């Protein structure tokens, strides 16, 4: 499959999953809790089924909602999918709209393609190596256009027109002492700073689109939380690096827990 074909398939999968998610979002739904106490809804399960079914004949899949495959098997995967059927399940349960569908393609431990879709707001981010990063906002009741039309109609993300006031994206649910120390350091360096608080992988996309200069994440995340938006940020000219080592985040590791990281515009 060519890159455009894979990206088109990923976008269609995210939109289809998003439509199902919104059907459930608009009515009462049950909430379960996994062994790690994180919430799980029928929307997570339904989204996962749709995406995995659409992608099953392409590359191996790592998903938050699938049984974790032993590292002994997946360590030899040069190419694989990393999926979070709903990133921000807590936000989904709160019905504040700040949740996403995340689909990423990983090659040699780095993201080469990513789709982040916000079903409640009908905003789509998508990216691929050598193509760049894009944003598309659907009109009310608009269906997904043909991929070439989508590509031509989307905003290319390149980090231009950054806010004049230094702007930091912060997690709505995970404001750690280290994050507060980072923000204070920025105040000393840049003067007054603006804070944007959002849920899920939207935070990386806000840096990618130029709404903020930086997003520090000094709190736990998993690989499926970040891989898709990592691609969007990376191919918009941003770095997604280990907070302390300043090396790019890697994926399909033995331990799927991310290190603390920072997303920033280059230069």
C-alpha atoms as a PDB file:
ATOM      1  CA  UNK A   1       0.000   0.000   0.000  1.00  0.00           C
ATOM      2  CA  UNK A   2       1.145   3.525  -0.804  1.00  0.00           C
ATOM      3  CA  UNK A   3       1.340   6.198   1.896  1.00  0.00           C
ATOM      4  CA  UNK A   4      -1.752   8.053   0.658  1.00  0.00           C
ATOM      5  CA  UNK A   5      -3.739   4.824   0.582  1.00  0.00           C
ATOM      6  CA  UNK A   6      -2.714   3.945   4.140  1.00  0.00           C
ATOM      7  CA  UNK A   7      -3.440   7.474   5.357  1.00  0.00           C
ATOM      8  CA  UNK A   8      -6.840   7.472   3.641  1.00  0.00           C
ATOM      9  CA  UNK A   9      -7.696   4.133   5.276  1.00  0.00           C
ATOM     10  CA  UNK A  10      -6.624   5.491   8.666  1.00  0.00           C
ATOM     11  CA  UNK A  11      -8.722   8.633   8.279  1.00  0.00           C
ATOM     12  CA  UNK A  12     -11.804   6.665   7.208  1.00  0.00           C
ATOM     13  CA  UNK A  13     -11.343   4.307  10.157  1.00  0.00           C
ATOM     14  CA  UNK A  14     -11.100   7.182  12.631  1.00  0.00           C
ATOM     15  CA  UNK A  15     -14.181   8.917  11.223  1.00  0.00           C
ATOM     16  CA  UNK A  16     -16.216   5.697  11.199  1.00  0.00           C
ATOM     17  CA  UNK A  17     -15.184   4.948  14.788  1.00  0.00           C
ATOM     18  CA  UNK A  18     -15.980   8.542  15.759  1.00  0.00           C
ATOM     19  CA  UNK A  19     -19.503   8.277  14.375  1.00  0.00           C
ATOM     20  CA  UNK A  20     -20.140   5.181  16.485  1.00  0.00           C
ATOM     21  CA  UNK A  21     -18.642   6.858  19.542  1.00  0.00           C
ATOM     22  CA  UNK A  22     -20.998   9.808  19.152  1.00  0.00           C
ATOM     23  CA  UNK A  23     -24.044   7.524  18.900  1.00  0.00           C
ATOM     24  CA  UNK A  24     -23.152   6.192  22.349  1.00  0.00           C
ATOM     25  CA  UNK A  25     -22.069   9.613  23.685  1.00  0.00           C
ATOM     26  CA  UNK A  26     -25.542  11.044  23.071  1.00  0.00           C
ATOM     27  CA  UNK A  27     -27.311   8.471  25.232  1.00  0.00           C
ATOM     28  CA  UNK A  28     -26.835   6.813  28.609  1.00  0.00           C
ATOM     29  CA  UNK A  29     -23.954   4.344  28.707  1.00  0.00           C
ATOM     30  CA  UNK A  30     -22.362   2.054  31.260  1.00  0.00           C
ATOM     31  CA  UNK A  31     -18.847   2.460  32.652  1.00  0.00           C
ATOM     32  CA  UNK A  32     -16.579  -0.401  33.732  1.00  0.00           C
ATOM     33  CA  UNK A  33     -13.190  -0.162  35.417  1.00  0.00           C
ATOM     34  CA  UNK A  34     -10.106  -2.075  34.320  1.00  0.00           C
ATOM     35  CA  UNK A  35      -7.522  -3.615  36.652  1.00  0.00           C
ATOM     36  CA  UNK A  36      -5.550  -0.354  36.671  1.00  0.00           C
ATOM     37  CA  UNK A  37      -8.740   1.514  37.758  1.00  0.00           C
ATOM     38  CA  UNK A  38      -8.986   3.333  34.426  1.00  0.00           C
ATOM     39  CA  UNK A  39     -12.511   3.614  32.989  1.00  0.00           C
ATOM     40  CA  UNK A  40     -13.805   1.623  30.023  1.00  0.00           C
ATOM     41  CA  UNK A  41     -17.075   2.252  28.171  1.00  0.00           C
ATOM     42  CA  UNK A  42     -18.961   0.473  25.410  1.00  0.00           C
ATOM     43  CA  UNK A  43     -17.777   3.287  23.130  1.00  0.00           C
ATOM     44  CA  UNK A  44     -14.123   2.292  23.706  1.00  0.00           C
ATOM     45  CA  UNK A  45     -14.981  -1.280  22.758  1.00  0.00           C
ATOM     46  CA  UNK A  46     -17.074  -0.370  19.711  1.00  0.00           C
ATOM     47  CA  UNK A  47     -14.438   2.030  18.385  1.00  0.00           C
ATOM     48  CA  UNK A  48     -11.727  -0.594  18.836  1.00  0.00           C
ATOM     49  CA  UNK A  49     -13.706  -3.218  16.906  1.00  0.00           C
ATOM     50  CA  UNK A  50     -14.269  -0.861  13.960  1.00  0.00           C
ATOM     51  CA  UNK A  51     -10.650   0.258  13.712  1.00  0.00           C
ATOM     52  CA  UNK A  52      -9.134  -3.209  14.133  1.00  0.00           C
ATOM     53  CA  UNK A  53     -11.537  -4.677  11.566  1.00  0.00           C
ATOM     54  CA  UNK A  54     -10.580  -1.988   9.031  1.00  0.00           C
ATOM     55  CA  UNK A  55      -6.842  -2.375   9.575  1.00  0.00           C
ATOM     56  CA  UNK A  56      -6.548  -6.125  10.170  1.00  0.00           C
ATOM     57  CA  UNK A  57      -5.233  -7.000   6.700  1.00  0.00           C
ATOM     58  CA  UNK A  58      -2.394  -4.459   6.734  1.00  0.00           C
ATOM     59  CA  UNK A  59       0.052  -4.525   9.671  1.00  0.00           C
ATOM     60  CA  UNK A  60       0.047  -5.947  13.220  1.00  0.00           C
ATOM     61  CA  UNK A  61      -1.952  -3.920  15.742  1.00  0.00           C
ATOM     62  CA  UNK A  62      -1.192  -2.730  19.257  1.00  0.00           C
ATOM     63  CA  UNK A  63      -4.296  -1.255  20.867  1.00  0.00           C
ATOM     64  CA  UNK A  64      -5.076  -0.145  24.392  1.00  0.00           C
ATOM     65  CA  UNK A  65      -8.196  -2.296  24.308  1.00  0.00           C
ATOM     66  CA  UNK A  66      -6.597  -5.475  22.909  1.00  0.00           C
ATOM     67  CA  UNK A  67      -4.749  -8.092  24.898  1.00  0.00           C
ATOM     68  CA  UNK A  68      -1.122  -6.997  25.081  1.00  0.00           C
ATOM     69  CA  UNK A  69       1.100  -9.076  22.810  1.00  0.00           C
ATOM     70  CA  UNK A  70       4.310 -10.407  24.317  1.00  0.00           C
ATOM     71  CA  UNK A  71       7.399  -8.351  23.525  1.00  0.00           C
ATOM     72  CA  UNK A  72       9.126 -11.531  22.332  1.00  0.00           C
ATOM     73  CA  UNK A  73       6.702 -11.505  19.393  1.00  0.00           C
ATOM     74  CA  UNK A  74       6.290  -7.814  18.668  1.00  0.00           C
ATOM     75  CA  UNK A  75       9.960  -6.811  19.037  1.00  0.00           C
ATOM     76  CA  UNK A  76      10.520  -8.049  15.486  1.00  0.00           C
ATOM     77  CA  UNK A  77       7.705  -5.930  14.045  1.00  0.00           C
ATOM     78  CA  UNK A  78       9.363  -3.292  11.851  1.00  0.00           C
ATOM     79  CA  UNK A  79       5.925  -1.821  11.107  1.00  0.00           C
ATOM     80  CA  UNK A  80       2.827  -1.852  13.303  1.00  0.00           C
ATOM     81  CA  UNK A  81      -0.247   0.153  14.252  1.00  0.00           C
ATOM     82  CA  UNK A  82      -0.605   1.865  17.625  1.00  0.00           C
ATOM     83  CA  UNK A  83      -4.241   2.640  18.449  1.00  0.00           C
ATOM     84  CA  UNK A  84      -6.198   4.320  21.203  1.00  0.00           C
ATOM     85  CA  UNK A  85      -9.897   3.890  20.336  1.00  0.00           C
ATOM     86  CA  UNK A  86     -10.794   6.699  22.755  1.00  0.00           C
ATOM     87  CA  UNK A  87      -8.029   8.804  24.243  1.00  0.00           C
ATOM     88  CA  UNK A  88      -9.581  10.701  27.114  1.00  0.00           C
ATOM     89  CA  UNK A  89     -12.245   8.260  28.295  1.00  0.00           C
ATOM     90  CA  UNK A  90     -12.594  10.343  31.470  1.00  0.00           C
ATOM     91  CA  UNK A  91     -13.397  13.364  29.299  1.00  0.00           C
ATOM     92  CA  UNK A  92     -15.878  11.229  27.324  1.00  0.00           C
ATOM     93  CA  UNK A  93     -17.627  10.258  30.562  1.00  0.00           C
ATOM     94  CA  UNK A  94     -17.707  13.922  31.669  1.00  0.00           C
ATOM     95  CA  UNK A  95     -19.169  14.772  28.230  1.00  0.00           C
ATOM     96  CA  UNK A  96     -16.893  17.786  27.759  1.00  0.00           C
ATOM     97  CA  UNK A  97     -15.964  16.821  24.173  1.00  0.00           C
ATOM     98  CA  UNK A  98     -12.203  16.673  24.804  1.00  0.00           C
ATOM     99  CA  UNK A  99     -11.517  13.124  23.656  1.00  0.00           C
ATOM    100  CA  UNK A 100      -9.944  11.751  20.499  1.00  0.00           C
ATOM    101  CA  UNK A 101      -9.546   8.697  18.300  1.00  0.00           C
ATOM    102  CA  UNK A 102      -5.829   8.016  17.804  1.00  0.00           C
ATOM    103  CA  UNK A 103      -4.386   5.883  14.984  1.00  0.00           C
ATOM    104  CA  UNK A 104      -0.626   5.801  14.344  1.00  0.00           C
ATOM    105  CA  UNK A 105       1.629   3.785  12.081  1.00  0.00           C
ATOM    106  CA  UNK A 106       5.024   2.967  13.586  1.00  0.00           C
ATOM    107  CA  UNK A 107       8.112   2.023  11.553  1.00  0.00           C
ATOM    108  CA  UNK A 108      11.398   1.131  13.244  1.00  0.00           C
ATOM    109  CA  UNK A 109      10.084   2.512  16.557  1.00  0.00           C
ATOM    110  CA  UNK A 110       9.094   5.938  15.204  1.00  0.00           C
ATOM    111  CA  UNK A 111       5.722   7.275  14.013  1.00  0.00           C
ATOM    112  CA  UNK A 112       5.534   7.762  10.239  1.00  0.00           C
ATOM    113  CA  UNK A 113       1.790   8.428   9.995  1.00  0.00           C
ATOM    114  CA  UNK A 114      -0.893   9.601  12.402  1.00  0.00           C
ATOM    115  CA  UNK A 115      -4.587  10.462  12.599  1.00  0.00           C
ATOM    116  CA  UNK A 116      -6.202  12.265  15.534  1.00  0.00           C
ATOM    117  CA  UNK A 117      -9.954  12.821  15.328  1.00  0.00           C
ATOM    118  CA  UNK A 118     -12.137  14.774  17.762  1.00  0.00           C
ATOM    119  CA  UNK A 119     -15.614  13.279  17.202  1.00  0.00           C
ATOM    120  CA  UNK A 120     -17.535  15.721  19.410  1.00  0.00           C
ATOM    121  CA  UNK A 121     -16.022  18.753  17.671  1.00  0.00           C
ATOM    122  CA  UNK A 122     -15.622  17.138  14.215  1.00  0.00           C
ATOM    123  CA  UNK A 123     -12.015  18.248  13.899  1.00  0.00           C
ATOM    124  CA  UNK A 124      -9.487  16.028  12.136  1.00  0.00           C
ATOM    125  CA  UNK A 125      -5.700  16.127  12.271  1.00  0.00           C
ATOM    126  CA  UNK A 126      -3.702  13.822  10.003  1.00  0.00           C
ATOM    127  CA  UNK A 127      -0.063  13.526   8.985  1.00  0.00           C
ATOM    128  CA  UNK A 128       2.452  11.397   7.148  1.00  0.00           C
ATOM    129  CA  UNK A 129       6.164  11.512   6.558  1.00  0.00           C
ATOM    130  CA  UNK A 130       7.052  13.383   3.340  1.00  0.00           C
ATOM    131  CA  UNK A 131       3.471  14.724   3.106  1.00  0.00           C
ATOM    132  CA  UNK A 132       3.315  16.914   6.209  1.00  0.00           C
ATOM    133  CA  UNK A 133       0.577  17.600   8.758  1.00  0.00           C
ATOM    134  CA  UNK A 134      -2.948  18.811   8.121  1.00  0.00           C
ATOM    135  CA  UNK A 135      -6.097  19.967   9.918  1.00  0.00           C
ATOM    136  CA  UNK A 136      -9.659  19.716   8.632  1.00  0.00           C
ATOM    137  CA  UNK A 137     -12.803  21.029  10.321  1.00  0.00           C
ATOM    138  CA  UNK A 138     -16.034  19.433   9.149  1.00  0.00           C
ATOM    139  CA  UNK A 139     -19.123  21.510   8.534  1.00  0.00           C
ATOM    140  CA  UNK A 140     -22.318  20.450  10.289  1.00  0.00           C
ATOM    141  CA  UNK A 141     -23.591  17.129   8.870  1.00  0.00           C
ATOM    142  CA  UNK A 142     -20.788  17.095   6.273  1.00  0.00           C
ATOM    143  CA  UNK A 143     -19.644  13.633   5.190  1.00  0.00           C
ATOM    144  CA  UNK A 144     -16.005  12.686   4.741  1.00  0.00           C
ATOM    145  CA  UNK A 145     -14.945  13.861   1.268  1.00  0.00           C
ATOM    146  CA  UNK A 146     -12.765  11.850  -1.112  1.00  0.00           C
ATOM    147  CA  UNK A 147      -9.207  11.802   0.149  1.00  0.00           C
ATOM    148  CA  UNK A 148      -7.734  14.049  -2.580  1.00  0.00           C
ATOM    149  CA  UNK A 149     -10.492  16.599  -1.903  1.00  0.00           C
ATOM    150  CA  UNK A 150      -9.850  16.349   1.827  1.00  0.00           C
ATOM    151  CA  UNK A 151      -6.130  16.900   1.284  1.00  0.00           C
ATOM    152  CA  UNK A 152      -6.684  19.913  -0.965  1.00  0.00           C
ATOM    153  CA  UNK A 153      -9.211  21.460   1.449  1.00  0.00           C
ATOM    154  CA  UNK A 154      -7.178  20.978   4.642  1.00  0.00           C
ATOM    155  CA  UNK A 155      -4.998  23.501   6.433  1.00  0.00           C
ATOM    156  CA  UNK A 156      -1.295  22.655   6.217  1.00  0.00           C
ATOM    157  CA  UNK A 157       0.297  22.855   9.660  1.00  0.00           C
ATOM    158  CA  UNK A 158       3.733  24.440   9.772  1.00  0.00           C
ATOM    159  CA  UNK A 159       3.936  26.344  13.057  1.00  0.00           C
ATOM    160  CA  UNK A 160       3.621  29.791  11.530  1.00  0.00           C
ATOM    161  CA  UNK A 161       1.882  32.650  13.370  1.00  0.00           C
ATOM    162  CA  UNK A 162       2.668  31.476  16.882  1.00  0.00           C
ATOM    163  CA  UNK A 163       1.017  33.494  19.673  1.00  0.00           C
ATOM    164  CA  UNK A 164       2.911  36.636  20.677  1.00  0.00           C
ATOM    165  CA  UNK A 165       2.501  35.785  24.356  1.00  0.00           C
ATOM    166  CA  UNK A 166       4.432  32.608  25.213  1.00  0.00           C
ATOM    167  CA  UNK A 167       1.757  29.918  25.458  1.00  0.00           C
ATOM    168  CA  UNK A 168       2.003  26.601  27.284  1.00  0.00           C
ATOM    169  CA  UNK A 169      -0.412  23.696  26.933  1.00  0.00           C
ATOM    170  CA  UNK A 170      -1.089  21.976  30.244  1.00  0.00           C
ATOM    171  CA  UNK A 171      -3.022  18.852  31.116  1.00  0.00           C
ATOM    172  CA  UNK A 172      -6.482  19.372  32.585  1.00  0.00           C
ATOM    173  CA  UNK A 173      -6.127  16.298  34.822  1.00  0.00           C
ATOM    174  CA  UNK A 174      -2.374  15.944  35.469  1.00  0.00           C
ATOM    175  CA  UNK A 175      -0.756  19.186  36.698  1.00  0.00           C
ATOM    176  CA  UNK A 176       2.358  17.866  38.477  1.00  0.00           C
ATOM    177  CA  UNK A 177       4.835  19.837  40.622  1.00  0.00           C
ATOM    178  CA  UNK A 178       7.411  19.389  37.831  1.00  0.00           C
ATOM    179  CA  UNK A 179       5.001  20.941  35.321  1.00  0.00           C
ATOM    180  CA  UNK A 180       4.378  23.861  37.665  1.00  0.00           C
ATOM    181  CA  UNK A 181       8.164  24.325  38.022  1.00  0.00           C
ATOM    182  CA  UNK A 182       8.535  24.290  34.220  1.00  0.00           C
ATOM    183  CA  UNK A 183       5.819  26.935  33.869  1.00  0.00           C
ATOM    184  CA  UNK A 184       7.504  29.108  36.502  1.00  0.00           C
ATOM    185  CA  UNK A 185      10.799  28.785  34.585  1.00  0.00           C
ATOM    186  CA  UNK A 186       9.051  29.992  31.431  1.00  0.00           C
ATOM    187  CA  UNK A 187       7.654  32.992  33.311  1.00  0.00           C
ATOM    188  CA  UNK A 188      11.183  33.969  34.346  1.00  0.00           C
ATOM    189  CA  UNK A 189      12.449  33.591  30.778  1.00  0.00           C
ATOM    190  CA  UNK A 190       9.541  35.020  28.753  1.00  0.00           C
ATOM    191  CA  UNK A 191       7.636  37.171  31.230  1.00  0.00           C
ATOM    192  CA  UNK A 192       3.891  36.681  31.346  1.00  0.00           C
ATOM    193  CA  UNK A 193       2.785  33.342  29.904  1.00  0.00           C
ATOM    194  CA  UNK A 194      -0.582  32.043  28.722  1.00  0.00           C
ATOM    195  CA  UNK A 195      -1.853  28.620  29.805  1.00  0.00           C
ATOM    196  CA  UNK A 196      -4.199  26.424  27.750  1.00  0.00           C
ATOM    197  CA  UNK A 197      -5.753  23.469  29.549  1.00  0.00           C
ATOM    198  CA  UNK A 198      -7.091  20.601  27.420  1.00  0.00           C
ATOM    199  CA  UNK A 199      -7.673  16.867  27.653  1.00  0.00           C
ATOM    200  CA  UNK A 200      -6.296  13.918  25.611  1.00  0.00           C
ATOM    201  CA  UNK A 201      -3.928  14.123  22.617  1.00  0.00           C
ATOM    202  CA  UNK A 202      -5.472  17.464  21.603  1.00  0.00           C
ATOM    203  CA  UNK A 203      -2.612  19.026  23.558  1.00  0.00           C
ATOM    204  CA  UNK A 204       0.079  17.873  21.117  1.00  0.00           C
ATOM    205  CA  UNK A 205      -2.063  18.969  18.176  1.00  0.00           C
ATOM    206  CA  UNK A 206      -2.402  22.484  19.605  1.00  0.00           C
ATOM    207  CA  UNK A 207       1.383  22.835  19.483  1.00  0.00           C
ATOM    208  CA  UNK A 208       1.447  21.351  15.979  1.00  0.00           C
ATOM    209  CA  UNK A 209      -1.097  23.888  14.702  1.00  0.00           C
ATOM    210  CA  UNK A 210       0.733  26.839  16.260  1.00  0.00           C
ATOM    211  CA  UNK A 211      -1.743  27.661  19.044  1.00  0.00           C
ATOM    212  CA  UNK A 212       1.039  27.225  21.634  1.00  0.00           C
ATOM    213  CA  UNK A 213       4.822  27.125  21.771  1.00  0.00           C
ATOM    214  CA  UNK A 214       5.227  24.142  24.079  1.00  0.00           C
ATOM    215  CA  UNK A 215       3.539  21.261  25.881  1.00  0.00           C
ATOM    216  CA  UNK A 216       5.447  19.705  28.809  1.00  0.00           C
ATOM    217  CA  UNK A 217       4.158  16.338  30.009  1.00  0.00           C
ATOM    218  CA  UNK A 218       5.691  15.439  33.343  1.00  0.00           C
ATOM    219  CA  UNK A 219       3.144  12.765  34.217  1.00  0.00           C
ATOM    220  CA  UNK A 220       2.525   9.200  33.009  1.00  0.00           C
ATOM    221  CA  UNK A 221       1.234   8.395  29.502  1.00  0.00           C
ATOM    222  CA  UNK A 222       1.194   5.260  27.386  1.00  0.00           C
ATOM    223  CA  UNK A 223       2.492   4.896  23.832  1.00  0.00           C
ATOM    224  CA  UNK A 224      -1.025   4.746  22.326  1.00  0.00           C
ATOM    225  CA  UNK A 225      -1.821   8.080  24.019  1.00  0.00           C
ATOM    226  CA  UNK A 226       0.824   9.966  22.045  1.00  0.00           C
ATOM    227  CA  UNK A 227       1.928   8.132  18.874  1.00  0.00           C
ATOM    228  CA  UNK A 228      -0.667   9.562  16.459  1.00  0.00           C
ATOM    229  CA  UNK A 229      -0.363  13.141  17.706  1.00  0.00           C
ATOM    230  CA  UNK A 230       3.440  12.718  17.786  1.00  0.00           C
ATOM    231  CA  UNK A 231       3.271  12.209  14.007  1.00  0.00           C
ATOM    232  CA  UNK A 232       1.052  15.291  13.611  1.00  0.00           C
ATOM    233  CA  UNK A 233       3.470  17.410  15.661  1.00  0.00           C
ATOM    234  CA  UNK A 234       6.626  15.981  14.088  1.00  0.00           C
ATOM    235  CA  UNK A 235       5.576  16.520  10.492  1.00  0.00           C
ATOM    236  CA  UNK A 236       4.434  20.045  11.353  1.00  0.00           C
ATOM    237  CA  UNK A 237       8.025  20.814  12.351  1.00  0.00           C
ATOM    238  CA  UNK A 238       7.859  20.180  16.099  1.00  0.00           C
ATOM    239  CA  UNK A 239       9.996  17.989  18.324  1.00  0.00           C
ATOM    240  CA  UNK A 240       8.510  15.354  20.649  1.00  0.00           C
ATOM    241  CA  UNK A 241      11.349  14.524  22.994  1.00  0.00           C
ATOM    242  CA  UNK A 242      12.128  12.896  26.312  1.00  0.00           C
ATOM    243  CA  UNK A 243      11.761  15.676  28.911  1.00  0.00           C
ATOM    244  CA  UNK A 244      15.193  15.052  30.395  1.00  0.00           C
ATOM    245  CA  UNK A 245      17.274  13.354  27.674  1.00  0.00           C
ATOM    246  CA  UNK A 246      15.896  15.472  24.795  1.00  0.00           C
ATOM    247  CA  UNK A 247      15.840  12.415  22.519  1.00  0.00           C
ATOM    248  CA  UNK A 248      12.813  11.586  20.366  1.00  0.00           C
ATOM    249  CA  UNK A 249      10.161   9.319  21.897  1.00  0.00           C
ATOM    250  CA  UNK A 250      10.326   5.706  20.698  1.00  0.00           C
ATOM    251  CA  UNK A 251       7.460   3.228  20.299  1.00  0.00           C
ATOM    252  CA  UNK A 252       6.808  -0.509  20.502  1.00  0.00           C
ATOM    253  CA  UNK A 253       9.194  -0.684  23.442  1.00  0.00           C
ATOM    254  CA  UNK A 254       9.173  -3.620  25.856  1.00  0.00           C
ATOM    255  CA  UNK A 255       7.490  -1.316  28.388  1.00  0.00           C
ATOM    256  CA  UNK A 256       4.782   0.690  26.622  1.00  0.00           C
ATOM    257  CA  UNK A 257       4.901   3.446  29.245  1.00  0.00           C
ATOM    258  CA  UNK A 258       6.270   6.715  27.821  1.00  0.00           C
ATOM    259  CA  UNK A 259       8.991   8.686  29.560  1.00  0.00           C
ATOM    260  CA  UNK A 260       8.070  12.229  30.535  1.00  0.00           C
ATOM    261  CA  UNK A 261       8.257  14.338  27.377  1.00  0.00           C
ATOM    262  CA  UNK A 262       8.087  17.820  25.899  1.00  0.00           C
ATOM    263  CA  UNK A 263       6.546  18.958  22.606  1.00  0.00           C
ATOM    264  CA  UNK A 264       7.994  22.175  21.187  1.00  0.00           C
ATOM    265  CA  UNK A 265       8.444  24.122  17.980  1.00  0.00           C
ATOM    266  CA  UNK A 266      11.905  23.778  16.475  1.00  0.00           C
ATOM    267  CA  UNK A 267      14.037  26.850  16.273  1.00  0.00           C
END
